[in-house]
Amino acid sequence: MGLVCSCFDGLIGDSSSTEGKSRFVNGMLASPHPPPGQPGFDAAKLKAYIGATADLYAAAQAGDADACKIALAAGAEPGKPNHWKGNTTPLHAAAAAGSSIVCNLLLDAGGKGTWVEAVTGDWDGHSGETALVVAERYQRQDVADLFRSRGLAR
């Protein structure tokens, strides 16, 4: 029996393999998929991951919690930086949008870790901002209060 990539087990369909444990460690998949050329690489899974990741960022920008849930279930990582958007994460995008619901969902999904302290590169005329600073800059008080209550730092 050959090696089979199990990195997406439980993300779509049968979830028995992930019961009782988080799919994410520090905002990223606990079992990342192998890169091209490595044993177990599956182009279809990589394509699905890339699509889900893009969908999560767009849903976070729109404040769409249902679409975020679908993207997370498809394997999107809440802590994945978007290099085209100044290394912002979906959490930064949701903070700018002012969606407490999406921010809470992302924090719950991503688990504990330093991913919540990620700072932006050059984005929207600013850089070096955490999600809390983004929420404050956009005057999203509900989101900023949520972040403080969850222990996020400036």
Protein backbone atom coordinates (compact mmCIF):
# COMPACT_ATOMS: atom_id res chain seq x y z
CA MET A 1 0.00 0.00 0.00
CA GLY A 2 1.47 3.37 -1.05
CA LEU A 3 1.61 6.61 0.86
CA VAL A 4 -1.67 8.49 0.90
CA CYS A 5 -1.89 12.15 1.82
CA SER A 6 -4.29 12.51 4.72
CA CYS A 7 -3.91 16.25 5.14
CA PHE A 8 -7.47 16.94 4.01
CA ASP A 9 -9.11 14.04 5.84
CA GLY A 10 -12.03 15.42 7.79
CA LEU A 11 -12.14 18.71 5.94
CA ILE A 12 -14.67 17.49 3.40
CA GLY A 13 -16.85 14.48 4.04
CA ASP A 14 -15.90 12.10 6.87
CA SER A 15 -14.73 14.07 9.91
CA SER A 16 -13.99 11.11 12.16
CA SER A 17 -10.24 11.52 11.78
CA THR A 18 -10.29 15.02 13.29
CA GLU A 19 -12.74 14.48 16.15
CA GLY A 20 -11.47 15.98 19.38
CA LYS A 21 -8.45 17.73 17.85
CA SER A 22 -7.99 20.99 16.01
CA ARG A 23 -7.23 20.94 12.30
CA PHE A 24 -5.06 24.02 12.83
CA VAL A 25 -1.90 24.71 14.77
CA ASN A 26 -1.00 28.38 15.08
CA GLY A 27 -3.61 29.26 12.45
CA MET A 28 -2.24 26.83 9.85
CA LEU A 29 -3.17 23.26 8.92
CA ALA A 30 -1.79 20.78 11.45
CA SER A 31 -0.97 18.42 8.57
CA PRO A 32 0.07 20.54 5.60
CA HIS A 33 -0.16 19.03 2.14
CA PRO A 34 3.08 17.96 0.47
CA PRO A 35 4.52 20.33 -2.14
CA PRO A 36 4.79 19.42 -5.82
CA GLY A 37 7.37 16.73 -6.51
CA GLN A 38 7.08 15.21 -3.04
CA PRO A 39 5.50 11.86 -2.16
CA GLY A 40 1.78 12.21 -1.63
CA PHE A 41 1.43 15.39 -3.67
CA ASP A 42 -2.08 15.74 -5.09
CA ALA A 43 -2.66 18.59 -7.55
CA ALA A 44 -6.44 18.48 -7.09
CA LYS A 45 -6.09 18.91 -3.32
CA LEU A 46 -3.64 21.76 -3.77
CA LYS A 47 -6.02 23.47 -6.20
CA ALA A 48 -8.90 23.05 -3.72
CA TYR A 49 -6.72 24.46 -0.91
CA ILE A 50 -5.74 27.50 -2.96
CA GLY A 51 -9.37 28.14 -3.90
CA ALA A 52 -10.56 27.75 -0.31
CA THR A 53 -7.84 30.10 0.92
CA ALA A 54 -8.82 32.79 -1.60
CA ASP A 55 -12.49 32.28 -0.72
CA LEU A 56 -11.78 32.68 3.00
CA TYR A 57 -9.96 35.97 2.50
CA ALA A 58 -12.75 37.33 0.27
CA ALA A 59 -15.44 36.17 2.72
CA ALA A 60 -13.57 37.77 5.63
CA GLN A 61 -13.34 41.04 3.69
CA ALA A 62 -17.09 40.89 3.09
CA GLY A 63 -17.91 39.92 6.69
CA ASP A 64 -19.67 36.78 5.43
CA ALA A 65 -19.55 34.23 8.26
CA ASP A 66 -21.34 31.49 6.31
CA ALA A 67 -18.89 31.72 3.40
CA CYS A 68 -16.00 31.70 5.92
CA LYS A 69 -17.33 28.47 7.44
CA ILE A 70 -17.52 26.87 4.00
CA ALA A 71 -13.97 27.96 3.13
CA LEU A 72 -12.63 26.70 6.48
CA ALA A 73 -14.37 23.37 5.97
CA ALA A 74 -12.71 23.15 2.54
CA GLY A 75 -9.26 23.56 4.08
CA ALA A 76 -8.54 27.29 4.15
CA GLU A 77 -6.13 28.40 6.87
CA PRO A 78 -7.22 31.31 9.08
CA GLY A 79 -3.60 32.36 9.66
CA LYS A 80 -2.47 32.24 6.03
CA PRO A 81 -0.96 35.58 4.96
CA ASN A 82 -2.10 37.04 1.64
CA HIS A 83 1.13 38.18 -0.02
CA TRP A 84 -0.82 40.21 -2.60
CA LYS A 85 -2.45 42.20 0.22
CA GLY A 86 0.57 43.17 2.32
CA ASN A 87 0.80 39.84 4.17
CA THR A 88 -2.54 40.46 5.82
CA THR A 89 -4.46 37.48 7.13
CA PRO A 90 -8.21 36.89 6.93
CA LEU A 91 -8.28 38.19 10.53
CA HIS A 92 -6.90 41.56 9.38
CA ALA A 93 -9.47 41.67 6.57
CA ALA A 94 -12.35 40.85 8.92
CA ALA A 95 -11.12 43.45 11.41
CA ALA A 96 -11.08 46.12 8.69
CA ALA A 97 -14.58 45.06 7.63
CA GLY A 98 -15.78 45.36 11.23
CA SER A 99 -17.20 41.85 11.48
CA SER A 100 -17.03 40.64 15.08
CA ILE A 101 -18.78 37.42 14.06
CA VAL A 102 -16.16 36.56 11.45
CA CYS A 103 -13.28 37.60 13.72
CA ASN A 104 -14.60 35.36 16.49
CA LEU A 105 -15.06 32.49 14.02
CA LEU A 106 -11.49 32.86 12.75
CA LEU A 107 -10.06 33.06 16.27
CA ASP A 108 -11.96 29.92 17.28
CA ALA A 109 -10.98 28.04 14.13
CA GLY A 110 -7.30 28.99 14.13
CA GLY A 111 -6.58 28.01 17.68
CA LYS A 112 -3.95 29.47 19.95
CA GLY A 113 -0.64 30.71 18.69
CA THR A 114 1.31 33.67 17.46
CA TRP A 115 -0.70 33.85 14.20
CA VAL A 116 -3.06 36.32 15.91
CA GLU A 117 -0.11 38.69 16.39
CA ALA A 118 0.83 38.71 12.70
CA VAL A 119 1.65 42.19 11.43
CA THR A 120 0.96 43.55 8.00
CA GLY A 121 3.47 44.51 5.41
CA ASP A 122 2.60 47.51 3.25
CA TRP A 123 -1.20 47.46 3.17
CA ASP A 124 -3.65 50.27 2.70
CA GLY A 125 -0.93 52.88 3.25
CA HIS A 126 0.19 51.41 6.57
CA SER A 127 2.50 48.63 7.73
CA GLY A 128 3.37 46.72 10.87
CA GLU A 129 -0.24 46.50 12.10
CA THR A 130 -1.77 43.69 14.11
CA ALA A 131 -5.45 42.88 13.63
CA LEU A 132 -6.23 44.90 16.77
CA VAL A 133 -4.46 47.97 15.37
CA VAL A 134 -6.37 47.54 12.09
CA ALA A 135 -9.66 47.43 14.00
CA GLU A 136 -8.72 50.58 15.92
CA ARG A 137 -7.62 52.42 12.76
CA TYR A 138 -10.90 51.63 11.04
CA GLN A 139 -12.77 52.57 14.23
CA ARG A 140 -14.30 49.10 14.60
CA GLN A 141 -14.80 49.34 18.37
CA ASP A 142 -16.78 46.08 18.70
CA VAL A 143 -13.98 44.18 16.97
CA ALA A 144 -11.27 45.92 18.98
CA ASP A 145 -13.13 45.09 22.21
CA LEU A 146 -13.47 41.45 21.10
CA PHE A 147 -9.74 41.24 20.38
CA ARG A 148 -8.87 42.74 23.77
CA SER A 149 -11.24 40.32 25.53
CA ARG A 150 -9.53 37.43 23.70
CA GLY A 151 -6.07 38.66 24.77
CA LEU A 152 -4.79 39.99 21.45
CA ALA A 153 -1.99 42.53 21.65
CA ARG A 154 -1.50 45.75 19.75
